[in-house]
Amino acid sequence: MNIEKLMQITIKPGIHIFVKVENFEEYKKRKNDIICCLHEFVDVLDECTLRHSEIVAIEYFQKEID
């Protein structure tokens, strides 16, 4: 069984965006980049930009996949 490592970003009104990460260190770096961003809009993925003020939580998950 494989383990998928994910960063979950929750935005208002409770929408979850999952970003695949290689490990916990990559998660910490990406989370820090998002939190420390001074701009109103944050690029999370190439095709995903979020409003900084709408981000409610950023969490790390490991999920077993078949």
N, C-alpha and C. Protein backbone atom coordinates (compact mmCIF):
# COMPACT_ATOMS: atom_id res chain seq x y z
N MET A 1 0.83 -1.17 0.00
CA MET A 1 0.00 0.00 0.00
C MET A 1 0.89 1.25 0.00
N ASN A 2 0.51 2.23 -0.77
CA ASN A 2 1.25 3.48 -0.87
C ASN A 2 0.61 4.56 -0.01
N ILE A 3 1.40 5.53 0.35
CA ILE A 3 0.90 6.65 1.14
C ILE A 3 1.07 7.92 0.32
N GLU A 4 -0.04 8.64 0.15
CA GLU A 4 -0.03 9.91 -0.56
C GLU A 4 0.06 11.03 0.48
N LYS A 5 0.94 11.98 0.24
CA LYS A 5 1.13 13.09 1.17
C LYS A 5 0.46 14.33 0.57
N LEU A 6 -0.40 14.96 1.37
CA LEU A 6 -1.20 16.06 0.86
C LEU A 6 -1.16 17.28 1.78
N MET A 7 -1.21 18.44 1.17
CA MET A 7 -1.42 19.69 1.88
C MET A 7 -2.87 20.08 1.58
N GLN A 8 -3.66 20.24 2.63
CA GLN A 8 -5.05 20.64 2.45
C GLN A 8 -5.19 22.11 2.82
N ILE A 9 -5.68 22.89 1.88
CA ILE A 9 -5.93 24.31 2.12
C ILE A 9 -7.44 24.49 2.19
N THR A 10 -7.92 25.02 3.31
CA THR A 10 -9.35 25.27 3.47
C THR A 10 -9.58 26.77 3.30
N ILE A 11 -10.54 27.08 2.41
CA ILE A 11 -10.91 28.47 2.20
C ILE A 11 -12.38 28.67 2.52
N LYS A 12 -12.76 29.92 2.77
CA LYS A 12 -14.16 30.23 3.04
C LYS A 12 -14.96 29.89 1.80
N PRO A 13 -16.08 29.29 1.86
CA PRO A 13 -16.90 28.86 3.00
C PRO A 13 -16.75 27.38 3.31
N GLY A 14 -15.56 26.89 3.50
CA GLY A 14 -15.34 25.48 3.83
C GLY A 14 -14.97 24.62 2.64
N ILE A 15 -14.39 25.22 1.62
CA ILE A 15 -13.95 24.49 0.43
C ILE A 15 -12.52 24.01 0.67
N HIS A 16 -12.25 22.74 0.34
CA HIS A 16 -10.93 22.15 0.54
C HIS A 16 -10.22 22.00 -0.81
N ILE A 17 -8.97 22.42 -0.83
CA ILE A 17 -8.12 22.25 -2.00
C ILE A 17 -6.95 21.38 -1.57
N PHE A 18 -6.74 20.29 -2.31
CA PHE A 18 -5.66 19.36 -1.97
C PHE A 18 -4.51 19.54 -2.94
N VAL A 19 -3.30 19.66 -2.38
CA VAL A 19 -2.08 19.79 -3.17
C VAL A 19 -1.15 18.65 -2.76
N LYS A 20 -0.72 17.87 -3.73
CA LYS A 20 0.19 16.76 -3.44
C LYS A 20 1.58 17.32 -3.15
N VAL A 21 2.21 16.82 -2.07
CA VAL A 21 3.57 17.22 -1.69
C VAL A 21 4.43 15.96 -1.56
N GLU A 22 5.73 16.15 -1.69
CA GLU A 22 6.65 15.01 -1.61
C GLU A 22 6.87 14.53 -0.18
N ASN A 23 6.91 15.48 0.77
CA ASN A 23 7.19 15.12 2.15
C ASN A 23 6.76 16.27 3.07
N PHE A 24 6.93 16.08 4.37
CA PHE A 24 6.52 17.08 5.35
C PHE A 24 7.32 18.37 5.21
N GLU A 25 8.60 18.27 4.83
CA GLU A 25 9.43 19.45 4.67
C GLU A 25 8.92 20.33 3.52
N GLU A 26 8.50 19.71 2.43
CA GLU A 26 7.93 20.49 1.32
C GLU A 26 6.63 21.16 1.76
N TYR A 27 5.82 20.44 2.53
CA TYR A 27 4.59 21.03 3.07
C TYR A 27 4.90 22.27 3.90
N LYS A 28 5.89 22.15 4.82
CA LYS A 28 6.24 23.28 5.69
C LYS A 28 6.71 24.48 4.87
N LYS A 29 7.52 24.23 3.84
CA LYS A 29 8.02 25.32 3.00
C LYS A 29 6.88 25.99 2.25
N ARG A 30 6.01 25.20 1.63
CA ARG A 30 4.90 25.77 0.87
C ARG A 30 3.93 26.52 1.78
N LYS A 31 3.67 25.97 2.96
CA LYS A 31 2.79 26.63 3.92
C LYS A 31 3.40 27.97 4.33
N ASN A 32 4.68 27.97 4.64
CA ASN A 32 5.36 29.20 5.03
C ASN A 32 5.32 30.23 3.91
N ASP A 33 5.52 29.79 2.66
CA ASP A 33 5.46 30.70 1.51
C ASP A 33 4.08 31.35 1.40
N ILE A 34 3.03 30.57 1.66
CA ILE A 34 1.66 31.09 1.59
C ILE A 34 1.41 32.08 2.72
N ILE A 35 1.79 31.70 3.92
CA ILE A 35 1.54 32.55 5.09
C ILE A 35 2.32 33.86 5.00
N CYS A 36 3.55 33.81 4.54
CA CYS A 36 4.41 34.99 4.50
C CYS A 36 4.18 35.88 3.27
N CYS A 37 3.35 35.44 2.35
CA CYS A 37 3.09 36.22 1.14
C CYS A 37 2.40 37.53 1.51
N LEU A 38 2.94 38.63 1.02
CA LEU A 38 2.40 39.95 1.34
C LEU A 38 1.30 40.39 0.37
N HIS A 39 1.12 39.67 -0.71
CA HIS A 39 0.11 40.03 -1.71
C HIS A 39 -1.26 39.50 -1.32
N GLU A 40 -2.31 40.13 -1.84
CA GLU A 40 -3.66 39.68 -1.55
C GLU A 40 -3.96 38.34 -2.22
N PHE A 41 -3.38 38.10 -3.40
CA PHE A 41 -3.61 36.85 -4.11
C PHE A 41 -2.37 35.97 -4.03
N VAL A 42 -2.58 34.68 -3.77
CA VAL A 42 -1.49 33.73 -3.58
C VAL A 42 -1.61 32.63 -4.63
N ASP A 43 -0.53 32.35 -5.36
CA ASP A 43 -0.52 31.23 -6.30
C ASP A 43 -0.24 29.95 -5.54
N VAL A 44 -1.20 29.03 -5.56
CA VAL A 44 -1.05 27.75 -4.86
C VAL A 44 -0.55 26.69 -5.84
N LEU A 45 -1.11 26.69 -7.00
CA LEU A 45 -0.68 25.83 -8.10
C LEU A 45 -0.62 26.71 -9.35
N ASP A 46 -0.10 26.17 -10.44
CA ASP A 46 -0.04 26.95 -11.68
C ASP A 46 -1.41 27.47 -12.09
N GLU A 47 -2.42 26.66 -11.87
CA GLU A 47 -3.77 27.03 -12.29
C GLU A 47 -4.69 27.39 -11.13
N CYS A 48 -4.14 27.67 -9.98
CA CYS A 48 -4.96 27.96 -8.79
C CYS A 48 -4.39 29.14 -8.01
N THR A 49 -5.14 30.23 -8.01
CA THR A 49 -4.77 31.42 -7.24
C THR A 49 -5.86 31.68 -6.22
N LEU A 50 -5.46 31.90 -4.97
CA LEU A 50 -6.42 32.12 -3.90
C LEU A 50 -6.26 33.51 -3.32
N ARG A 51 -7.37 34.03 -2.79
CA ARG A 51 -7.32 35.30 -2.07
C ARG A 51 -6.79 34.99 -0.67
N HIS A 52 -5.72 35.66 -0.28
CA HIS A 52 -5.05 35.39 1.01
C HIS A 52 -6.03 35.49 2.18
N SER A 53 -6.93 36.46 2.14
CA SER A 53 -7.86 36.68 3.25
C SER A 53 -8.92 35.59 3.36
N GLU A 54 -9.08 34.74 2.34
CA GLU A 54 -10.08 33.67 2.38
C GLU A 54 -9.52 32.35 2.90
N ILE A 55 -8.21 32.26 3.08
CA ILE A 55 -7.60 31.02 3.57
C ILE A 55 -7.87 30.89 5.06
N VAL A 56 -8.49 29.78 5.43
CA VAL A 56 -8.87 29.54 6.83
C VAL A 56 -7.85 28.64 7.52
N ALA A 57 -7.38 27.60 6.83
CA ALA A 57 -6.47 26.63 7.44
C ALA A 57 -5.60 25.98 6.37
N ILE A 58 -4.40 25.58 6.80
CA ILE A 58 -3.50 24.81 5.94
C ILE A 58 -3.01 23.64 6.78
N GLU A 59 -3.30 22.42 6.31
CA GLU A 59 -3.00 21.22 7.10
C GLU A 59 -2.27 20.18 6.26
N TYR A 60 -1.59 19.27 6.94
CA TYR A 60 -0.85 18.18 6.30
C TYR A 60 -1.56 16.86 6.58
N PHE A 61 -1.71 16.05 5.51
CA PHE A 61 -2.35 14.74 5.66
C PHE A 61 -1.54 13.68 4.95
N GLN A 62 -1.62 12.47 5.47
CA GLN A 62 -1.11 11.30 4.77
C GLN A 62 -2.28 10.37 4.58
N LYS A 63 -2.47 9.92 3.33
CA LYS A 63 -3.62 9.11 3.00
C LYS A 63 -3.15 7.83 2.32
N GLU A 64 -3.64 6.69 2.78
CA GLU A 64 -3.30 5.40 2.16
C GLU A 64 -4.07 5.25 0.87
N ILE A 65 -3.34 4.83 -0.17
CA ILE A 65 -3.99 4.57 -1.47
C ILE A 65 -3.64 3.15 -1.91
N ASP A 66 -4.52 2.57 -2.68
CA ASP A 66 -4.30 1.19 -3.16
C ASP A 66 -3.38 1.15 -4.34
